[in-house]
Each structure stands twice: as structure tokens, then as C-alpha cells.
Amino acid sequence: MCAFNPPDWSAARAELRDALAAASWPPDLIHDAELALCELYVNAWRHGGSPAPLVVVLLLNRTLRVSVADDSPDLPEPRTSADPYELSGRGLRLVRSLTHRFGAEARKHGGKVVWFELEVAA
């Protein structure tokens, strides 16, 4: 694998998709969840220095919570004025627009967890 390519995240994506499909979530929300997961995963690899970020998918009732952990203690800061011609810099803004809640927390033993939540109507 090329050092510039993120590690394979297909297992996390499949787990997420299977859990939401089994819970009868609509395809558009499944797609939003997959895209938000991809953004957090690639950010953890690219900016968090984790060769294989840890992903936790929790589905409680009608709420999905996805957490991605990395080894960097630096909490993410969305760019406020990204140049429209830049190839990157808008991922966290995208996650915020796709999800109901989004945040980041320092881990007790170092690193951080970045998470999002989505809810489906009953």
C-alpha cells in the first residue's frame, strides 16, 4: 500500500451499513453516515497520525453514534475560511452538515476521539 493512501476502512463501513440496514434506516441517512465516517477516518489517519484509527459504531434505539479515535492530542478545529480552490479543508464542515451532533474529546490516556450522531425519525 502506498504511504499516501489511508488504510482500508471497508470493515468499519460494512459494519456501519449492516447495522443501519438491519435497523431499517433510509438509504439517504446510511449514505450520510458512511460519508461522515469516511471524513473522520481519513482525518484520524492524515492529521492524527494513526495508521489504523479505531472506529466504534453504536446504535441505540433510533440514534447512531460513530466514534473515531487517534493518537494525537490535538482537537480538530474546523477551518473558518477555506479557499474554494483548496483540495481539502472542508471535511469537518461536511460532517457537521450531514449529522445531528458532532464533537471531539481528549482520551484519558492520550489521543482523542472525534464523534458524530445521527437520528432517524420513528
PDB file of N, CA and C in Angstrom:
ATOM      1  N   MET A   1       0.843  -1.182   0.000  1.00  0.00           N
ATOM      2  CA  MET A   1       0.000   0.000   0.000  1.00  0.00           C
ATOM      3  C   MET A   1       0.888   1.245   0.000  1.00  0.00           C
ATOM      4  N   CYS A   2       0.506   2.217  -0.760  1.00  0.00           N
ATOM      5  CA  CYS A   2       1.230   3.482  -0.840  1.00  0.00           C
ATOM      6  C   CYS A   2       1.097   4.236   0.478  1.00  0.00           C
ATOM      7  N   ALA A   3       2.154   4.870   0.926  1.00  0.00           N
ATOM      8  CA  ALA A   3       2.131   5.600   2.189  1.00  0.00           C
ATOM      9  C   ALA A   3       1.178   6.794   2.160  1.00  0.00           C
ATOM     10  N   PHE A   4       0.749   7.210   0.957  1.00  0.00           N
ATOM     11  CA  PHE A   4      -0.143   8.354   0.848  1.00  0.00           C
ATOM     12  C   PHE A   4      -1.618   7.954   0.853  1.00  0.00           C
ATOM     13  N   ASN A   5      -1.892   6.663   0.837  1.00  0.00           N
ATOM     14  CA  ASN A   5      -3.267   6.191   0.852  1.00  0.00           C
ATOM     15  C   ASN A   5      -3.676   5.806   2.263  1.00  0.00           C
ATOM     16  N   PRO A   6      -4.878   6.194   2.677  1.00  0.00           N
ATOM     17  CA  PRO A   6      -5.323   5.816   4.019  1.00  0.00           C
ATOM     18  C   PRO A   6      -5.510   4.305   4.109  1.00  0.00           C
ATOM     19  N   PRO A   7      -5.448   3.758   5.310  1.00  0.00           N
ATOM     20  CA  PRO A   7      -5.664   2.324   5.471  1.00  0.00           C
ATOM     21  C   PRO A   7      -7.092   1.955   5.080  1.00  0.00           C
ATOM     22  N   ASP A   8      -7.295   0.689   4.845  1.00  0.00           N
ATOM     23  CA  ASP A   8      -8.599   0.183   4.424  1.00  0.00           C
ATOM     24  C   ASP A   8      -9.623   0.362   5.539  1.00  0.00           C
ATOM     25  N   TRP A   9     -10.696   1.040   5.216  1.00  0.00           N
ATOM     26  CA  TRP A   9     -11.756   1.276   6.195  1.00  0.00           C
ATOM     27  C   TRP A   9     -13.025   0.516   5.834  1.00  0.00           C
ATOM     28  N   SER A  10     -12.913  -0.443   4.927  1.00  0.00           N
ATOM     29  CA  SER A  10     -14.093  -1.156   4.439  1.00  0.00           C
ATOM     30  C   SER A  10     -14.798  -1.954   5.535  1.00  0.00           C
ATOM     31  N   ALA A  11     -14.077  -2.501   6.504  1.00  0.00           N
ATOM     32  CA  ALA A  11     -14.728  -3.263   7.583  1.00  0.00           C
ATOM     33  C   ALA A  11     -15.600  -2.346   8.437  1.00  0.00           C
ATOM     34  N   ALA A  12     -15.091  -1.165   8.770  1.00  0.00           N
ATOM     35  CA  ALA A  12     -15.889  -0.209   9.556  1.00  0.00           C
ATOM     36  C   ALA A  12     -17.098   0.254   8.761  1.00  0.00           C
ATOM     37  N   ARG A  13     -16.898   0.497   7.491  1.00  0.00           N
ATOM     38  CA  ARG A  13     -18.005   0.935   6.641  1.00  0.00           C
ATOM     39  C   ARG A  13     -19.067  -0.155   6.531  1.00  0.00           C
ATOM     40  N   ALA A  14     -18.648  -1.403   6.347  1.00  0.00           N
ATOM     41  CA  ALA A  14     -19.597  -2.519   6.242  1.00  0.00           C
ATOM     42  C   ALA A  14     -20.358  -2.713   7.547  1.00  0.00           C
ATOM     43  N   GLU A  15     -19.660  -2.603   8.683  1.00  0.00           N
ATOM     44  CA  GLU A  15     -20.328  -2.737   9.980  1.00  0.00           C
ATOM     45  C   GLU A  15     -21.391  -1.650  10.145  1.00  0.00           C
ATOM     46  N   LEU A  16     -21.037  -0.446   9.790  1.00  0.00           N
ATOM     47  CA  LEU A  16     -21.968   0.669   9.887  1.00  0.00           C
ATOM     48  C   LEU A  16     -23.179   0.449   8.973  1.00  0.00           C
ATOM     49  N   ARG A  17     -22.928   0.133   7.718  1.00  0.00           N
ATOM     50  CA  ARG A  17     -24.001  -0.069   6.752  1.00  0.00           C
ATOM     51  C   ARG A  17     -24.910  -1.230   7.163  1.00  0.00           C
ATOM     52  N   ASP A  18     -24.323  -2.349   7.606  1.00  0.00           N
ATOM     53  CA  ASP A  18     -25.121  -3.511   8.008  1.00  0.00           C
ATOM     54  C   ASP A  18     -25.994  -3.204   9.214  1.00  0.00           C
ATOM     55  N   ALA A  19     -25.444  -2.491  10.203  1.00  0.00           N
ATOM     56  CA  ALA A  19     -26.222  -2.149  11.400  1.00  0.00           C
ATOM     57  C   ALA A  19     -27.397  -1.249  11.051  1.00  0.00           C
ATOM     58  N   LEU A  20     -27.177  -0.265  10.205  1.00  0.00           N
ATOM     59  CA  LEU A  20     -28.250   0.661   9.843  1.00  0.00           C
ATOM     60  C   LEU A  20     -29.287   0.001   8.935  1.00  0.00           C
ATOM     61  N   ALA A  21     -28.843  -0.835   8.019  1.00  0.00           N
ATOM     62  CA  ALA A  21     -29.788  -1.539   7.153  1.00  0.00           C
ATOM     63  C   ALA A  21     -30.652  -2.501   7.972  1.00  0.00           C
ATOM     64  N   ALA A  22     -30.049  -3.201   8.933  1.00  0.00           N
ATOM     65  CA  ALA A  22     -30.803  -4.122   9.785  1.00  0.00           C
ATOM     66  C   ALA A  22     -31.826  -3.381  10.637  1.00  0.00           C
ATOM     67  N   ALA A  23     -31.542  -2.118  10.951  1.00  0.00           N
ATOM     68  CA  ALA A  23     -32.468  -1.303  11.737  1.00  0.00           C
ATOM     69  C   ALA A  23     -33.443  -0.535  10.840  1.00  0.00           C
ATOM     70  N   SER A  24     -33.439  -0.833   9.554  1.00  0.00           N
ATOM     71  CA  SER A  24     -34.349  -0.222   8.569  1.00  0.00           C
ATOM     72  C   SER A  24     -34.183   1.285   8.425  1.00  0.00           C
ATOM     73  N   TRP A  25     -32.942   1.749   8.501  1.00  0.00           N
ATOM     74  CA  TRP A  25     -32.691   3.168   8.262  1.00  0.00           C
ATOM     75  C   TRP A  25     -32.832   3.453   6.767  1.00  0.00           C
ATOM     76  N   PRO A  26     -33.272   4.655   6.407  1.00  0.00           N
ATOM     77  CA  PRO A  26     -33.399   5.005   4.996  1.00  0.00           C
ATOM     78  C   PRO A  26     -32.030   5.105   4.313  1.00  0.00           C
ATOM     79  N   PRO A  27     -31.969   4.752   3.036  1.00  0.00           N
ATOM     80  CA  PRO A  27     -30.691   4.776   2.313  1.00  0.00           C
ATOM     81  C   PRO A  27     -29.982   6.124   2.341  1.00  0.00           C
ATOM     82  N   ASP A  28     -30.722   7.241   2.322  1.00  0.00           N
ATOM     83  CA  ASP A  28     -30.045   8.544   2.319  1.00  0.00           C
ATOM     84  C   ASP A  28     -29.313   8.790   3.634  1.00  0.00           C
ATOM     85  N   LEU A  29     -29.864   8.347   4.767  1.00  0.00           N
ATOM     86  CA  LEU A  29     -29.168   8.510   6.044  1.00  0.00           C
ATOM     87  C   LEU A  29     -27.987   7.551   6.163  1.00  0.00           C
ATOM     88  N   ILE A  30     -28.122   6.354   5.598  1.00  0.00           N
ATOM     89  CA  ILE A  30     -26.993   5.422   5.585  1.00  0.00           C
ATOM     90  C   ILE A  30     -25.841   6.034   4.793  1.00  0.00           C
ATOM     91  N   HIS A  31     -26.151   6.627   3.657  1.00  0.00           N
ATOM     92  CA  HIS A  31     -25.122   7.282   2.837  1.00  0.00           C
ATOM     93  C   HIS A  31     -24.460   8.434   3.611  1.00  0.00           C
ATOM     94  N   ASP A  32     -25.260   9.266   4.288  1.00  0.00           N
ATOM     95  CA  ASP A  32     -24.706  10.371   5.077  1.00  0.00           C
ATOM     96  C   ASP A  32     -23.773   9.843   6.166  1.00  0.00           C
ATOM     97  N   ALA A  33     -24.188   8.766   6.843  1.00  0.00           N
ATOM     98  CA  ALA A  33     -23.363   8.183   7.912  1.00  0.00           C
ATOM     99  C   ALA A  33     -22.046   7.650   7.350  1.00  0.00           C
ATOM    100  N   GLU A  34     -22.101   6.992   6.194  1.00  0.00           N
ATOM    101  CA  GLU A  34     -20.878   6.471   5.575  1.00  0.00           C
ATOM    102  C   GLU A  34     -19.923   7.603   5.192  1.00  0.00           C
ATOM    103  N   LEU A  35     -20.468   8.661   4.634  1.00  0.00           N
ATOM    104  CA  LEU A  35     -19.629   9.788   4.226  1.00  0.00           C
ATOM    105  C   LEU A  35     -18.994  10.466   5.444  1.00  0.00           C
ATOM    106  N   ALA A  36     -19.773  10.660   6.502  1.00  0.00           N
ATOM    107  CA  ALA A  36     -19.227  11.269   7.722  1.00  0.00           C
ATOM    108  C   ALA A  36     -18.154  10.374   8.334  1.00  0.00           C
ATOM    109  N   LEU A  37     -18.391   9.061   8.355  1.00  0.00           N
ATOM    110  CA  LEU A  37     -17.379   8.122   8.860  1.00  0.00           C
ATOM    111  C   LEU A  37     -16.100   8.225   8.040  1.00  0.00           C
ATOM    112  N   CYS A  38     -16.227   8.267   6.731  1.00  0.00           N
ATOM    113  CA  CYS A  38     -15.048   8.376   5.869  1.00  0.00           C
ATOM    114  C   CYS A  38     -14.239   9.627   6.205  1.00  0.00           C
ATOM    115  N   GLU A  39     -14.918  10.751   6.372  1.00  0.00           N
ATOM    116  CA  GLU A  39     -14.217  12.002   6.688  1.00  0.00           C
ATOM    117  C   GLU A  39     -13.451  11.886   8.012  1.00  0.00           C
ATOM    118  N   LEU A  40     -14.107  11.358   9.049  1.00  0.00           N
ATOM    119  CA  LEU A  40     -13.438  11.238  10.352  1.00  0.00           C
ATOM    120  C   LEU A  40     -12.278  10.252  10.290  1.00  0.00           C
ATOM    121  N   TYR A  41     -12.465   9.154   9.567  1.00  0.00           N
ATOM    122  CA  TYR A  41     -11.433   8.133   9.461  1.00  0.00           C
ATOM    123  C   TYR A  41     -10.193   8.679   8.757  1.00  0.00           C
ATOM    124  N   VAL A  42     -10.407   9.325   7.626  1.00  0.00           N
ATOM    125  CA  VAL A  42      -9.263   9.870   6.881  1.00  0.00           C
ATOM    126  C   VAL A  42      -8.579  10.974   7.679  1.00  0.00           C
ATOM    127  N   ASN A  43      -9.356  11.808   8.376  1.00  0.00           N
ATOM    128  CA  ASN A  43      -8.748  12.843   9.222  1.00  0.00           C
ATOM    129  C   ASN A  43      -7.902  12.233  10.330  1.00  0.00           C
ATOM    130  N   ALA A  44      -8.386  11.143  10.946  1.00  0.00           N
ATOM    131  CA  ALA A  44      -7.623  10.484  12.015  1.00  0.00           C
ATOM    132  C   ALA A  44      -6.311   9.930  11.476  1.00  0.00           C
ATOM    133  N   TRP A  45      -6.357   9.416  10.282  1.00  0.00           N
ATOM    134  CA  TRP A  45      -5.142   8.897   9.666  1.00  0.00           C
ATOM    135  C   TRP A  45      -4.207  10.033   9.251  1.00  0.00           C
ATOM    136  N   ARG A  46      -4.763  11.021   8.559  1.00  0.00           N
ATOM    137  CA  ARG A  46      -3.942  12.092   7.990  1.00  0.00           C
ATOM    138  C   ARG A  46      -3.414  13.054   9.054  1.00  0.00           C
ATOM    139  N   HIS A  47      -4.289  13.506   9.954  1.00  0.00           N
ATOM    140  CA  HIS A  47      -3.902  14.538  10.921  1.00  0.00           C
ATOM    141  C   HIS A  47      -3.614  13.971  12.313  1.00  0.00           C
ATOM    142  N   GLY A  48      -4.164  12.811  12.618  1.00  0.00           N
ATOM    143  CA  GLY A  48      -3.988  12.221  13.943  1.00  0.00           C
ATOM    144  C   GLY A  48      -2.832  11.258  14.035  1.00  0.00           C
ATOM    145  N   GLY A  49      -2.230  10.934  12.899  1.00  0.00           N
ATOM    146  CA  GLY A  49      -1.051  10.079  12.904  1.00  0.00           C
ATOM    147  C   GLY A  49      -1.321   8.626  13.245  1.00  0.00           C
ATOM    148  N   SER A  50      -2.544   8.178  13.089  1.00  0.00           N
ATOM    149  CA  SER A  50      -2.871   6.786  13.406  1.00  0.00           C
ATOM    150  C   SER A  50      -2.877   5.952  12.133  1.00  0.00           C
ATOM    151  N   PRO A  51      -2.038   4.910  12.069  1.00  0.00           N
ATOM    152  CA  PRO A  51      -2.012   4.078  10.867  1.00  0.00           C
ATOM    153  C   PRO A  51      -3.311   3.302  10.655  1.00  0.00           C
ATOM    154  N   ALA A  52      -4.035   3.017  11.741  1.00  0.00           N
ATOM    155  CA  ALA A  52      -5.325   2.319  11.642  1.00  0.00           C
ATOM    156  C   ALA A  52      -6.234   2.861  12.747  1.00  0.00           C
ATOM    157  N   PRO A  53      -6.947   3.950  12.477  1.00  0.00           N
ATOM    158  CA  PRO A  53      -7.803   4.548  13.512  1.00  0.00           C
ATOM    159  C   PRO A  53      -8.837   3.556  14.041  1.00  0.00           C
ATOM    160  N   LEU A  54      -9.140   3.683  15.322  1.00  0.00           N
ATOM    161  CA  LEU A  54     -10.129   2.833  15.978  1.00  0.00           C
ATOM    162  C   LEU A  54     -11.518   3.413  15.754  1.00  0.00           C
ATOM    163  N   VAL A  55     -12.446   2.597  15.251  1.00  0.00           N
ATOM    164  CA  VAL A  55     -13.815   3.022  14.975  1.00  0.00           C
ATOM    165  C   VAL A  55     -14.764   2.232  15.869  1.00  0.00           C
ATOM    166  N   VAL A  56     -15.684   2.949  16.518  1.00  0.00           N
ATOM    167  CA  VAL A  56     -16.732   2.319  17.324  1.00  0.00           C
ATOM    168  C   VAL A  56     -18.069   2.808  16.793  1.00  0.00           C
ATOM    169  N   VAL A  57     -18.938   1.842  16.468  1.00  0.00           N
ATOM    170  CA  VAL A  57     -20.276   2.141  15.963  1.00  0.00           C
ATOM    171  C   VAL A  57     -21.279   1.664  16.997  1.00  0.00           C
ATOM    172  N   LEU A  58     -22.092   2.595  17.505  1.00  0.00           N
ATOM    173  CA  LEU A  58     -23.142   2.250  18.462  1.00  0.00           C
ATOM    174  C   LEU A  58     -24.484   2.671  17.900  1.00  0.00           C
ATOM    175  N   LEU A  59     -25.441   1.772  17.979  1.00  0.00           N
ATOM    176  CA  LEU A  59     -26.797   2.068  17.540  1.00  0.00           C
ATOM    177  C   LEU A  59     -27.716   1.775  18.709  1.00  0.00           C
ATOM    178  N   LEU A  60     -28.243   2.849  19.307  1.00  0.00           N
ATOM    179  CA  LEU A  60     -29.122   2.738  20.464  1.00  0.00           C
ATOM    180  C   LEU A  60     -30.469   3.334  20.104  1.00  0.00           C
ATOM    181  N   ASN A  61     -31.482   2.476  20.073  1.00  0.00           N
ATOM    182  CA  ASN A  61     -32.816   2.890  19.655  1.00  0.00           C
ATOM    183  C   ASN A  61     -32.727   3.504  18.264  1.00  0.00           C
ATOM    184  N   ARG A  62     -33.014   4.760  18.126  1.00  0.00           N
ATOM    185  CA  ARG A  62     -33.012   5.416  16.813  1.00  0.00           C
ATOM    186  C   ARG A  62     -31.846   6.398  16.664  1.00  0.00           C
ATOM    187  N   THR A  63     -30.833   6.248  17.525  1.00  0.00           N
ATOM    188  CA  THR A  63     -29.670   7.133  17.476  1.00  0.00           C
ATOM    189  C   THR A  63     -28.415   6.343  17.156  1.00  0.00           C
ATOM    190  N   LEU A  64     -27.681   6.818  16.175  1.00  0.00           N
ATOM    191  CA  LEU A  64     -26.388   6.255  15.798  1.00  0.00           C
ATOM    192  C   LEU A  64     -25.295   7.157  16.346  1.00  0.00           C
ATOM    193  N   ARG A  65     -24.285   6.558  16.960  1.00  0.00           N
ATOM    194  CA  ARG A  65     -23.098   7.305  17.386  1.00  0.00           C
ATOM    195  C   ARG A  65     -21.876   6.579  16.827  1.00  0.00           C
ATOM    196  N   VAL A  66     -21.084   7.304  16.070  1.00  0.00           N
ATOM    197  CA  VAL A  66     -19.850   6.772  15.498  1.00  0.00           C
ATOM    198  C   VAL A  66     -18.694   7.565  16.083  1.00  0.00           C
ATOM    199  N   SER A  67     -17.712   6.851  16.633  1.00  0.00           N
ATOM    200  CA  SER A  67     -16.525   7.475  17.219  1.00  0.00           C
ATOM    201  C   SER A  67     -15.284   6.959  16.506  1.00  0.00           C
ATOM    202  N   VAL A  68     -14.356   7.867  16.238  1.00  0.00           N
ATOM    203  CA  VAL A  68     -13.086   7.506  15.611  1.00  0.00           C
ATOM    204  C   VAL A  68     -11.974   8.056  16.496  1.00  0.00           C
ATOM    205  N   ALA A  69     -11.110   7.160  16.972  1.00  0.00           N
ATOM    206  CA  ALA A  69     -10.028   7.546  17.885  1.00  0.00           C
ATOM    207  C   ALA A  69      -8.694   7.546  17.154  1.00  0.00           C
ATOM    208  N   ASP A  70      -7.839   8.488  17.547  1.00  0.00           N
ATOM    209  CA  ASP A  70      -6.475   8.514  17.032  1.00  0.00           C
ATOM    210  C   ASP A  70      -5.526   8.873  18.170  1.00  0.00           C
ATOM    211  N   ASP A  71      -4.239   8.928  17.860  1.00  0.00           N
ATOM    212  CA  ASP A  71      -3.216   9.117  18.889  1.00  0.00           C
ATOM    213  C   ASP A  71      -2.823  10.566  19.139  1.00  0.00           C
ATOM    214  N   SER A  72      -3.348  11.488  18.367  1.00  0.00           N
ATOM    215  CA  SER A  72      -2.971  12.888  18.520  1.00  0.00           C
ATOM    216  C   SER A  72      -3.816  13.563  19.606  1.00  0.00           C
ATOM    217  N   PRO A  73      -3.195  14.341  20.478  1.00  0.00           N
ATOM    218  CA  PRO A  73      -3.969  15.060  21.489  1.00  0.00           C
ATOM    219  C   PRO A  73      -4.624  16.335  20.943  1.00  0.00           C
ATOM    220  N   ASP A  74      -4.279  16.716  19.715  1.00  0.00           N
ATOM    221  CA  ASP A  74      -4.792  17.958  19.134  1.00  0.00           C
ATOM    222  C   ASP A  74      -6.239  17.786  18.694  1.00  0.00           C
ATOM    223  N   LEU A  75      -7.136  18.557  19.309  1.00  0.00           N
ATOM    224  CA  LEU A  75      -8.537  18.504  18.926  1.00  0.00           C
ATOM    225  C   LEU A  75      -8.724  19.195  17.581  1.00  0.00           C
ATOM    226  N   PRO A  76      -9.626  18.689  16.755  1.00  0.00           N
ATOM    227  CA  PRO A  76      -9.819  19.284  15.430  1.00  0.00           C
ATOM    228  C   PRO A  76     -10.445  20.663  15.527  1.00  0.00           C
ATOM    229  N   GLU A  77     -10.052  21.510  14.602  1.00  0.00           N
ATOM    230  CA  GLU A  77     -10.614  22.848  14.508  1.00  0.00           C
ATOM    231  C   GLU A  77     -11.067  23.069  13.076  1.00  0.00           C
ATOM    232  N   PRO A  78     -12.381  23.164  12.866  1.00  0.00           N
ATOM    233  CA  PRO A  78     -12.861  23.411  11.501  1.00  0.00           C
ATOM    234  C   PRO A  78     -12.304  24.735  10.974  1.00  0.00           C
ATOM    235  N   ARG A  79     -11.928  24.739   9.732  1.00  0.00           N
ATOM    236  CA  ARG A  79     -11.443  25.971   9.111  1.00  0.00           C
ATOM    237  C   ARG A  79     -12.618  26.918   8.922  1.00  0.00           C
ATOM    238  N   THR A  80     -12.393  28.164   9.222  1.00  0.00           N
ATOM    239  CA  THR A  80     -13.482  29.133   9.097  1.00  0.00           C
ATOM    240  C   THR A  80     -13.543  29.746   7.709  1.00  0.00           C
ATOM    241  N   SER A  81     -12.421  29.832   7.043  1.00  0.00           N
ATOM    242  CA  SER A  81     -12.431  30.440   5.711  1.00  0.00           C
ATOM    243  C   SER A  81     -11.564  29.624   4.761  1.00  0.00           C
ATOM    244  N   ALA A  82     -12.073  28.477   4.358  1.00  0.00           N
ATOM    245  CA  ALA A  82     -11.323  27.648   3.411  1.00  0.00           C
ATOM    246  C   ALA A  82     -11.383  28.269   2.021  1.00  0.00           C
ATOM    247  N   ASP A  83     -10.265  28.281   1.364  1.00  0.00           N
ATOM    248  CA  ASP A  83     -10.180  28.753  -0.009  1.00  0.00           C
ATOM    249  C   ASP A  83     -11.006  27.817  -0.891  1.00  0.00           C
ATOM    250  N   PRO A  84     -11.912  28.342  -1.703  1.00  0.00           N
ATOM    251  CA  PRO A  84     -12.761  27.471  -2.518  1.00  0.00           C
ATOM    252  C   PRO A  84     -11.981  26.613  -3.521  1.00  0.00           C
ATOM    253  N   TYR A  85     -10.723  26.957  -3.777  1.00  0.00           N
ATOM    254  CA  TYR A  85      -9.913  26.200  -4.722  1.00  0.00           C
ATOM    255  C   TYR A  85      -9.013  25.173  -4.049  1.00  0.00           C
ATOM    256  N   GLU A  86      -9.010  25.138  -2.722  1.00  0.00           N
ATOM    257  CA  GLU A  86      -8.226  24.146  -1.988  1.00  0.00           C
ATOM    258  C   GLU A  86      -8.845  22.767  -2.170  1.00  0.00           C
ATOM    259  N   LEU A  87      -8.010  21.735  -2.181  1.00  0.00           N
ATOM    260  CA  LEU A  87      -8.491  20.371  -2.337  1.00  0.00           C
ATOM    261  C   LEU A  87      -8.936  19.755  -1.017  1.00  0.00           C
ATOM    262  N   SER A  88      -8.621  20.394   0.095  1.00  0.00           N
ATOM    263  CA  SER A  88      -9.015  19.860   1.395  1.00  0.00           C
ATOM    264  C   SER A  88      -9.371  21.026   2.310  1.00  0.00           C
ATOM    265  N   GLY A  89      -9.850  20.693   3.511  1.00  0.00           N
ATOM    266  CA  GLY A  89     -10.126  21.734   4.486  1.00  0.00           C
ATOM    267  C   GLY A  89     -11.592  21.944   4.804  1.00  0.00           C
ATOM    268  N   ARG A  90     -12.454  21.181   4.165  1.00  0.00           N
ATOM    269  CA  ARG A  90     -13.885  21.360   4.417  1.00  0.00           C
ATOM    270  C   ARG A  90     -14.547  20.118   5.008  1.00  0.00           C
ATOM    271  N   GLY A  91     -13.770  19.111   5.377  1.00  0.00           N
ATOM    272  CA  GLY A  91     -14.307  17.839   5.859  1.00  0.00           C
ATOM    273  C   GLY A  91     -15.128  17.953   7.127  1.00  0.00           C
ATOM    274  N   LEU A  92     -14.641  18.695   8.112  1.00  0.00           N
ATOM    275  CA  LEU A  92     -15.391  18.822   9.362  1.00  0.00           C
ATOM    276  C   LEU A  92     -16.677  19.613   9.160  1.00  0.00           C
ATOM    277  N   ARG A  93     -16.644  20.570   8.269  1.00  0.00           N
ATOM    278  CA  ARG A  93     -17.866  21.302   7.938  1.00  0.00           C
ATOM    279  C   ARG A  93     -18.881  20.360   7.275  1.00  0.00           C
ATOM    280  N   LEU A  94     -18.391  19.462   6.449  1.00  0.00           N
ATOM    281  CA  LEU A  94     -19.243  18.472   5.814  1.00  0.00           C
ATOM    282  C   LEU A  94     -19.859  17.537   6.861  1.00  0.00           C
ATOM    283  N   VAL A  95     -19.048  17.063   7.795  1.00  0.00           N
ATOM    284  CA  VAL A  95     -19.556  16.190   8.861  1.00  0.00           C
ATOM    285  C   VAL A  95     -20.640  16.915   9.653  1.00  0.00           C
ATOM    286  N   ARG A  96     -20.396  18.150   9.980  1.00  0.00           N
ATOM    287  CA  ARG A  96     -21.386  18.934  10.732  1.00  0.00           C
ATOM    288  C   ARG A  96     -22.695  19.069   9.956  1.00  0.00           C
ATOM    289  N   SER A  97     -22.610  19.234   8.645  1.00  0.00           N
ATOM    290  CA  SER A  97     -23.828  19.415   7.857  1.00  0.00           C
ATOM    291  C   SER A  97     -24.579  18.103   7.632  1.00  0.00           C
ATOM    292  N   LEU A  98     -23.899  16.970   7.686  1.00  0.00           N
ATOM    293  CA  LEU A  98     -24.531  15.674   7.453  1.00  0.00           C
ATOM    294  C   LEU A  98     -25.137  15.053   8.704  1.00  0.00           C
ATOM    295  N   THR A  99     -24.712  15.507   9.878  1.00  0.00           N
ATOM    296  CA  THR A  99     -25.078  14.837  11.121  1.00  0.00           C
ATOM    297  C   THR A  99     -25.860  15.776  12.048  1.00  0.00           C
ATOM    298  N   HIS A 100     -26.446  15.190  13.090  1.00  0.00           N
ATOM    299  CA  HIS A 100     -27.203  15.991  14.050  1.00  0.00           C
ATOM    300  C   HIS A 100     -26.313  16.587  15.141  1.00  0.00           C
ATOM    301  N   ARG A 101     -25.300  15.848  15.542  1.00  0.00           N
ATOM    302  CA  ARG A 101     -24.342  16.319  16.551  1.00  0.00           C
ATOM    303  C   ARG A 101     -22.950  15.845  16.172  1.00  0.00           C
ATOM    304  N   PHE A 102     -21.956  16.625  16.587  1.00  0.00           N
ATOM    305  CA  PHE A 102     -20.572  16.341  16.228  1.00  0.00           C
ATOM    306  C   PHE A 102     -19.693  16.928  17.314  1.00  0.00           C
ATOM    307  N   GLY A 103     -18.626  16.231  17.682  1.00  0.00           N
ATOM    308  CA  GLY A 103     -17.730  16.774  18.687  1.00  0.00           C
ATOM    309  C   GLY A 103     -16.422  16.006  18.772  1.00  0.00           C
ATOM    310  N   ALA A 104     -15.589  16.438  19.697  1.00  0.00           N
ATOM    311  CA  ALA A 104     -14.289  15.805  19.922  1.00  0.00           C
ATOM    312  C   ALA A 104     -13.954  15.904  21.399  1.00  0.00           C
ATOM    313  N   GLU A 105     -13.278  14.872  21.894  1.00  0.00           N
ATOM    314  CA  GLU A 105     -12.900  14.822  23.308  1.00  0.00           C
ATOM    315  C   GLU A 105     -11.519  14.209  23.448  1.00  0.00           C
ATOM    316  N   ALA A 106     -10.767  14.709  24.407  1.00  0.00           N
ATOM    317  CA  ALA A 106      -9.471  14.107  24.716  1.00  0.00           C
ATOM    318  C   ALA A 106      -9.702  12.753  25.372  1.00  0.00           C
ATOM    319  N   ARG A 107      -8.847  11.782  25.053  1.00  0.00           N
ATOM    320  CA  ARG A 107      -8.915  10.464  25.707  1.00  0.00           C
ATOM    321  C   ARG A 107      -8.087  10.505  26.980  1.00  0.00           C
ATOM    322  N   LYS A 108      -8.500   9.743  27.943  1.00  0.00           N
ATOM    323  CA  LYS A 108      -7.859   9.721  29.265  1.00  0.00           C
ATOM    324  C   LYS A 108      -6.370   9.387  29.189  1.00  0.00           C
ATOM    325  N   HIS A 109      -5.998   8.453  28.331  1.00  0.00           N
ATOM    326  CA  HIS A 109      -4.608   8.005  28.250  1.00  0.00           C
ATOM    327  C   HIS A 109      -3.902   8.506  26.994  1.00  0.00           C
ATOM    328  N   GLY A 110      -4.345   9.633  26.484  1.00  0.00           N
ATOM    329  CA  GLY A 110      -3.711  10.238  25.319  1.00  0.00           C
ATOM    330  C   GLY A 110      -4.529  10.061  24.053  1.00  0.00           C
ATOM    331  N   GLY A 111      -4.326  10.962  23.144  1.00  0.00           N
ATOM    332  CA  GLY A 111      -5.076  10.943  21.900  1.00  0.00           C
ATOM    333  C   GLY A 111      -6.432  11.594  22.063  1.00  0.00           C
ATOM    334  N   LYS A 112      -7.291  11.345  21.094  1.00  0.00           N
ATOM    335  CA  LYS A 112      -8.624  11.951  21.122  1.00  0.00           C
ATOM    336  C   LYS A 112      -9.626  11.043  20.434  1.00  0.00           C
ATOM    337  N   VAL A 113     -10.886  11.368  20.648  1.00  0.00           N
ATOM    338  CA  VAL A 113     -11.992  10.714  19.958  1.00  0.00           C
ATOM    339  C   VAL A 113     -12.812  11.811  19.287  1.00  0.00           C
ATOM    340  N   VAL A 114     -13.088  11.634  18.011  1.00  0.00           N
ATOM    341  CA  VAL A 114     -13.956  12.533  17.275  1.00  0.00           C
ATOM    342  C   VAL A 114     -15.202  11.716  16.945  1.00  0.00           C
ATOM    343  N   TRP A 115     -16.372  12.305  17.152  1.00  0.00           N
ATOM    344  CA  TRP A 115     -17.605  11.526  17.032  1.00  0.00           C
ATOM    345  C   TRP A 115     -18.699  12.333  16.331  1.00  0.00           C
ATOM    346  N   PHE A 116     -19.708  11.594  15.862  1.00  0.00           N
ATOM    347  CA  PHE A 116     -20.920  12.229  15.355  1.00  0.00           C
ATOM    348  C   PHE A 116     -22.103  11.367  15.730  1.00  0.00           C
ATOM    349  N   GLU A 117     -23.273  11.997  15.741  1.00  0.00           N
ATOM    350  CA  GLU A 117     -24.531  11.289  15.994  1.00  0.00           C
ATOM    351  C   GLU A 117     -25.526  11.647  14.917  1.00  0.00           C
ATOM    352  N   LEU A 118     -26.318  10.640  14.542  1.00  0.00           N
ATOM    353  CA  LEU A 118     -27.415  10.800  13.613  1.00  0.00           C
ATOM    354  C   LEU A 118     -28.654  10.165  14.242  1.00  0.00           C
ATOM    355  N   GLU A 119     -29.786  10.727  13.969  1.00  0.00           N
ATOM    356  CA  GLU A 119     -31.026  10.151  14.456  1.00  0.00           C
ATOM    357  C   GLU A 119     -31.953   9.915  13.277  1.00  0.00           C
ATOM    358  N   VAL A 120     -32.754   8.871  13.388  1.00  0.00           N
ATOM    359  CA  VAL A 120     -33.748   8.577  12.370  1.00  0.00           C
ATOM    360  C   VAL A 120     -35.119   8.781  12.989  1.00  0.00           C
ATOM    361  N   ALA A 121     -36.051   9.313  12.208  1.00  0.00           N
ATOM    362  CA  ALA A 121     -37.414   9.535  12.711  1.00  0.00           C
ATOM    363  C   ALA A 121     -38.074   8.195  12.996  1.00  0.00           C
ATOM    364  N   ALA A 122     -38.883   8.165  14.029  1.00  0.00           N
ATOM    365  CA  ALA A 122     -39.576   6.925  14.419  1.00  0.00           C
ATOM    366  C   ALA A 122     -40.644   6.554  13.413  1.00  0.00           C
TER     367      ALA A 122
END
